[in-house]
C-alpha atoms as a PDB file:
ATOM      1  CA  MET A   1      70.503-139.533-114.389  1.00  0.00           C
ATOM      2  CA  THR A   2      67.302-138.126-114.893  1.00  0.00           C
ATOM      3  CA  SER A   3      64.685-138.707-117.260  1.00  0.00           C
ATOM      4  CA  VAL A   4      63.371-134.860-117.289  1.00  0.00           C
ATOM      5  CA  SER A   5      65.991-131.969-117.526  1.00  0.00           C
ATOM      6  CA  THR A   6      63.254-129.649-115.950  1.00  0.00           C
ATOM      7  CA  ALA A   7      62.813-130.107-112.234  1.00  0.00           C
ATOM      8  CA  LEU A   8      59.367-130.744-110.694  1.00  0.00           C
ATOM      9  CA  GLN A   9      59.421-127.497-108.667  1.00  0.00           C
ATOM     10  CA  ASP A  10      59.900-125.650-111.817  1.00  0.00           C
ATOM     11  CA  LEU A  11      56.842-127.142-113.945  1.00  0.00           C
ATOM     12  CA  ALA A  12      54.653-127.415-111.269  1.00  0.00           C
ATOM     13  CA  ALA A  13      54.971-124.900-108.957  1.00  0.00           C
ATOM     14  CA  PRO A  14      57.128-121.900-110.886  1.00  0.00           C
ATOM     15  CA  ASP A  15      55.764-119.585-108.241  1.00  0.00           C
ATOM     16  CA  GLY A  16      57.125-121.206-105.308  1.00  0.00           C
ATOM     17  CA  VAL A  17      57.940-119.522-102.376  1.00  0.00           C
ATOM     18  CA  CYS A  18      59.570-122.222-100.286  1.00  0.00           C
ATOM     19  CA  PHE A  19      62.792-121.400 -98.274  1.00  0.00           C
ATOM     20  CA  GLY A  20      64.108-125.176 -99.201  1.00  0.00           C
ATOM     21  CA  CYS A  21      62.691-125.685-102.666  1.00  0.00           C
ATOM     22  CA  GLY A  22      60.305-122.154-103.952  1.00  0.00           C
ATOM     23  CA  SER A  23      61.625-120.743-107.120  1.00  0.00           C
ATOM     24  CA  SER A  24      61.054-117.925-106.630  1.00  0.00           C
ATOM     25  CA  HIS A  25      62.429-117.456-103.165  1.00  0.00           C
ATOM     26  CA  PRO A  26      64.315-114.229-103.487  1.00  0.00           C
ATOM     27  CA  GLU A  27      67.247-116.094-101.030  1.00  0.00           C
ATOM     28  CA  GLY A  28      66.216-119.243-100.722  1.00  0.00           C
ATOM     29  CA  LEU A  29      68.788-122.873-101.688  1.00  0.00           C
ATOM     30  CA  HIS A  30      66.278-123.341-104.872  1.00  0.00           C
ATOM     31  CA  LEU A  31      66.385-127.039-104.328  1.00  0.00           C
ATOM     32  CA  LYS A  32      65.568-128.928-107.592  1.00  0.00           C
ATOM     33  CA  SER A  33      64.150-132.642-108.067  1.00  0.00           C
ATOM     34  CA  TYR A  34      63.644-134.750-110.826  1.00  0.00           C
ATOM     35  CA  TRP A  35      62.189-138.127-111.802  1.00  0.00           C
ATOM     36  CA  ASP A  36      65.412-140.750-111.689  1.00  0.00           C
ATOM     37  CA  ASP A  37      65.600-142.921-114.773  1.00  0.00           C
ATOM     38  CA  ASP A  38      65.041-146.048-112.801  1.00  0.00           C
ATOM     39  CA  GLY A  39      61.125-144.240-113.023  1.00  0.00           C
ATOM     40  CA  VAL A  40      61.250-145.309-109.224  1.00  0.00           C
ATOM     41  CA  HIS A  41      63.044-142.274-107.457  1.00  0.00           C
ATOM     42  CA  VAL A  42      62.946-138.785-107.026  1.00  0.00           C
ATOM     43  CA  VAL A  43      66.168-137.200-106.804  1.00  0.00           C
ATOM     44  CA  ALA A  44      68.119-133.673-105.739  1.00  0.00           C
ATOM     45  CA  ARG A  45      71.402-132.807-105.156  1.00  0.00           C
ATOM     46  CA  HIS A  46      72.669-130.402-102.909  1.00  0.00           C
ATOM     47  CA  THR A  47      76.140-128.847-101.879  1.00  0.00           C
ATOM     48  CA  PRO A  48      75.588-127.195 -98.149  1.00  0.00           C
ATOM     49  CA  ASP A  49      76.795-123.644 -98.227  1.00  0.00           C
ATOM     50  CA  PRO A  50      79.460-123.443 -94.833  1.00  0.00           C
ATOM     51  CA  THR A  51      76.370-121.281 -93.568  1.00  0.00           C
ATOM     52  CA  TYR A  52      74.584-124.650 -92.471  1.00  0.00           C
ATOM     53  CA  HIS A  53      77.420-126.169 -90.152  1.00  0.00           C
ATOM     54  CA  GLY A  54      76.475-127.942 -87.420  1.00  0.00           C
ATOM     55  CA  TRP A  55      79.658-128.858 -85.535  1.00  0.00           C
ATOM     56  CA  PRO A  56      82.770-128.349 -87.326  1.00  0.00           C
ATOM     57  CA  GLY A  57      82.911-130.102 -90.432  1.00  0.00           C
ATOM     58  CA  LEU A  58      80.011-131.535 -90.332  1.00  0.00           C
ATOM     59  CA  VAL A  59      76.732-130.711 -91.546  1.00  0.00           C
ATOM     60  CA  TYR A  60      74.033-128.919 -89.020  1.00  0.00           C
ATOM     61  CA  GLY A  61      71.134-131.819 -88.519  1.00  0.00           C
ATOM     62  CA  GLY A  62      68.218-129.100 -89.211  1.00  0.00           C
ATOM     63  CA  PHE A  63      69.336-128.197 -92.463  1.00  0.00           C
ATOM     64  CA  ILE A  64      69.489-132.067 -93.863  1.00  0.00           C
ATOM     65  CA  ALA A  65      65.574-132.276 -92.268  1.00  0.00           C
ATOM     66  CA  MET A  66      64.512-129.325 -94.404  1.00  0.00           C
ATOM     67  CA  LEU A  67      66.182-130.675 -97.721  1.00  0.00           C
ATOM     68  CA  VAL A  68      64.669-134.058 -96.674  1.00  0.00           C
ATOM     69  CA  ASP A  69      61.045-132.388 -95.618  1.00  0.00           C
ATOM     70  CA  CYS A  70      61.413-130.247 -99.190  1.00  0.00           C
ATOM     71  CA  HIS A  71      62.519-133.059-101.424  1.00  0.00           C
ATOM     72  CA  SER A  72      60.362-135.911 -99.870  1.00  0.00           C
ATOM     73  CA  ASN A  73      57.477-133.522-100.496  1.00  0.00           C
ATOM     74  CA  TRP A  74      57.981-132.951-104.199  1.00  0.00           C
ATOM     75  CA  ALA A  75      58.398-136.580-104.429  1.00  0.00           C
ATOM     76  CA  ALA A  76      55.089-137.846-103.173  1.00  0.00           C
ATOM     77  CA  MET A  77      53.662-134.549-105.946  1.00  0.00           C
ATOM     78  CA  ALA A  78      55.735-136.292-108.172  1.00  0.00           C
ATOM     79  CA  TYR A  79      53.956-139.447-107.991  1.00  0.00           C
ATOM     80  CA  HIS A  80      50.404-137.982-107.441  1.00  0.00           C
ATOM     81  CA  TYR A  81      50.882-136.534-110.774  1.00  0.00           C
ATOM     82  CA  ARG A  82      52.376-139.635-112.234  1.00  0.00           C
ATOM     83  CA  ALA A  83      49.302-141.570-110.664  1.00  0.00           C
ATOM     84  CA  GLU A  84      46.568-139.467-112.561  1.00  0.00           C
ATOM     85  CA  GLU A  85      48.367-139.585-115.693  1.00  0.00           C
ATOM     86  CA  ARG A  86      49.443-135.510-115.749  1.00  0.00           C
ATOM     87  CA  GLU A  87      52.269-133.609-116.492  1.00  0.00           C
ATOM     88  CA  PRO A  88      53.780-131.973-113.103  1.00  0.00           C
ATOM     89  CA  ASP A  89      52.848-128.299-115.069  1.00  0.00           C
ATOM     90  CA  SER A  90      48.966-129.046-115.563  1.00  0.00           C
ATOM     91  CA  LEU A  91      46.331-127.821-113.539  1.00  0.00           C
ATOM     92  CA  PRO A  92      45.016-128.146-111.013  1.00  0.00           C
ATOM     93  CA  ARG A  93      47.800-128.217-109.222  1.00  0.00           C
ATOM     94  CA  ILE A  94      49.140-130.937-106.599  1.00  0.00           C
ATOM     95  CA  ASP A  95      50.001-129.369-103.420  1.00  0.00           C
ATOM     96  CA  CYS A  96      51.244-131.830-100.258  1.00  0.00           C
ATOM     97  CA  VAL A  97      52.150-130.943 -96.861  1.00  0.00           C
ATOM     98  CA  THR A  98      53.828-132.668 -94.221  1.00  0.00           C
ATOM     99  CA  GLY A  99      52.118-135.033 -91.887  1.00  0.00           C
ATOM    100  CA  LYS A 100      55.151-136.601 -89.874  1.00  0.00           C
ATOM    101  CA  LEU A 101      58.783-135.931 -90.813  1.00  0.00           C
ATOM    102  CA  ASN A 102      60.834-138.928 -89.397  1.00  0.00           C
ATOM    103  CA  LEU A 103      64.932-138.970 -89.842  1.00  0.00           C
ATOM    104  CA  THR A 104      67.176-141.460 -88.931  1.00  0.00           C
ATOM    105  CA  TYR A 105      70.959-139.922 -88.958  1.00  0.00           C
ATOM    106  CA  ILE A 106      72.921-142.972 -89.408  1.00  0.00           C
ATOM    107  CA  LYS A 107      76.153-141.282 -89.637  1.00  0.00           C
ATOM    108  CA  PRO A 108      78.006-137.900 -89.857  1.00  0.00           C
ATOM    109  CA  THR A 109      77.083-135.747 -92.838  1.00  0.00           C
ATOM    110  CA  PRO A 110      80.243-134.190 -93.523  1.00  0.00           C
ATOM    111  CA  MET A 111      80.236-130.508 -95.508  1.00  0.00           C
ATOM    112  CA  GLY A 112      81.836-129.715 -98.609  1.00  0.00           C
ATOM    113  CA  VAL A 113      80.595-132.783-100.630  1.00  0.00           C
ATOM    114  CA  GLU A 114      77.767-133.114-102.760  1.00  0.00           C
ATOM    115  CA  LEU A 115      74.789-134.935-101.206  1.00  0.00           C
ATOM    116  CA  MET A 116      72.094-136.819-102.811  1.00  0.00           C
ATOM    117  CA  LEU A 117      68.634-137.365-101.470  1.00  0.00           C
ATOM    118  CA  LYS A 118      66.643-139.906-102.827  1.00  0.00           C
ATOM    119  CA  ALA A 119      62.992-140.415-102.241  1.00  0.00           C
ATOM    120  CA  ARG A 120      60.153-142.890-103.090  1.00  0.00           C
ATOM    121  CA  VAL A 121      56.515-143.800-102.334  1.00  0.00           C
ATOM    122  CA  GLU A 122      55.917-146.389-100.029  1.00  0.00           C
ATOM    123  CA  GLY A 123      52.814-147.996-100.142  1.00  0.00           C
ATOM    124  CA  GLU A 124      49.580-146.001-102.156  1.00  0.00           C
ATOM    125  CA  VAL A 125      49.547-143.049-103.533  1.00  0.00           C
ATOM    126  CA  GLY A 126      46.841-141.435-101.818  1.00  0.00           C
ATOM    127  CA  ARG A 127      45.139-138.152 -99.520  1.00  0.00           C
ATOM    128  CA  LYS A 128      48.359-139.653 -97.004  1.00  0.00           C
ATOM    129  CA  THR A 129      51.229-141.113 -98.731  1.00  0.00           C
ATOM    130  CA  ARG A 130      54.475-143.022 -97.300  1.00  0.00           C
ATOM    131  CA  VAL A 131      57.442-141.446 -98.807  1.00  0.00           C
ATOM    132  CA  ILE A 132      61.141-143.062 -98.124  1.00  0.00           C
ATOM    133  CA  CYS A 133      64.270-140.588 -98.436  1.00  0.00           C
ATOM    134  CA  GLU A 134      67.990-141.537 -98.734  1.00  0.00           C
ATOM    135  CA  VAL A 135      70.880-138.880 -98.236  1.00  0.00           C
ATOM    136  CA  TRP A 136      73.989-139.836 -99.403  1.00  0.00           C
ATOM    137  CA  ALA A 137      77.226-137.710 -99.592  1.00  0.00           C
ATOM    138  CA  GLY A 138      79.561-139.961-101.626  1.00  0.00           C
ATOM    139  CA  ASP A 139      78.779-143.533-101.371  1.00  0.00           C
ATOM    140  CA  VAL A 140      77.553-143.139 -97.498  1.00  0.00           C
ATOM    141  CA  LEU A 141      74.504-143.570 -96.460  1.00  0.00           C
ATOM    142  CA  THR A 142      74.219-140.860 -93.903  1.00  0.00           C
ATOM    143  CA  VAL A 143      70.141-140.185 -93.446  1.00  0.00           C
ATOM    144  CA  THR A 144      67.185-142.301 -93.934  1.00  0.00           C
ATOM    145  CA  ALA A 145      63.631-140.749 -93.767  1.00  0.00           C
ATOM    146  CA  ASP A 146      60.518-142.315 -93.219  1.00  0.00           C
ATOM    147  CA  SER A 147      57.369-139.514 -93.610  1.00  0.00           C
ATOM    148  CA  VAL A 148      53.795-138.985 -94.376  1.00  0.00           C
ATOM    149  CA  PHE A 149      52.918-136.554 -96.686  1.00  0.00           C
ATOM    150  CA  VAL A 150      48.750-135.387 -96.772  1.00  0.00           C
ATOM    151  CA  ARG A 151      47.396-133.984-100.238  1.00  0.00           C
ATOM    152  CA  VAL A 152      45.326-130.757 -99.081  1.00  0.00           C
ATOM    153  CA  ASP A 153      44.163-127.113-100.483  1.00  0.00           C
ATOM    154  CA  THR A 154      46.931-124.860 -99.874  1.00  0.00           C
ATOM    155  CA  GLY A 155      43.798-122.035-100.229  1.00  0.00           C
ATOM    156  CA  GLN A 156      41.935-123.605 -97.442  1.00  0.00           C
ATOM    157  CA  LEU A 157      45.171-123.906 -95.027  1.00  0.00           C
ATOM    158  CA  LYS A 158      46.269-120.651 -95.609  1.00  0.00           C
ATOM    159  CA  ASP A 159      42.509-119.176 -94.479  1.00  0.00           C
ATOM    160  CA  GLN A 160      42.640-121.682 -91.399  1.00  0.00           C
ATOM    161  CA  ALA A 161      46.061-120.800 -90.556  1.00  0.00           C
ATOM    162  CA  HIS A 162      44.717-117.485 -90.505  1.00  0.00           C
ATOM    163  CA  LYS A 163      41.819-118.081 -89.098  1.00  0.00           C
ATOM    164  CA  ARG A 164      39.553-116.916 -92.257  1.00  0.00           C
ATOM    165  CA  SER A 165      36.964-120.115 -92.056  1.00  0.00           C
END
């Protein structure tokens, strides 16, 4: 199904601490994203733990938003690496942050089912990149997302957030 055996997160950011997708977060979900064999989509699979119930038997919508946010961001970064004809483990590292996260919940997402997230870039890869993501529970499309991710220098962002610049 995927053309690489090592997740993008493990290649590009093995020291990542994001709760959703950080490879080094001690209690995180460790979501893993891979290029699909079609060369267009970046895919991830995750089966939510019962901790993330919303209504009985259904996955909490905010949890789904987190999965979409992390995975779509990795799709944007994967497309940036590909546009620059570089491998994800090359330097300098490419980082993006969420500029806009827009989800449409189409159908309830059931607990106990593996979810597949399928994302692709729509349009050009640039400072701001539009990503379309789908969440599938088996053969049922439950969520679509149309979001924007912004390429950034994360060191500068951290300094700005802590008012150091």
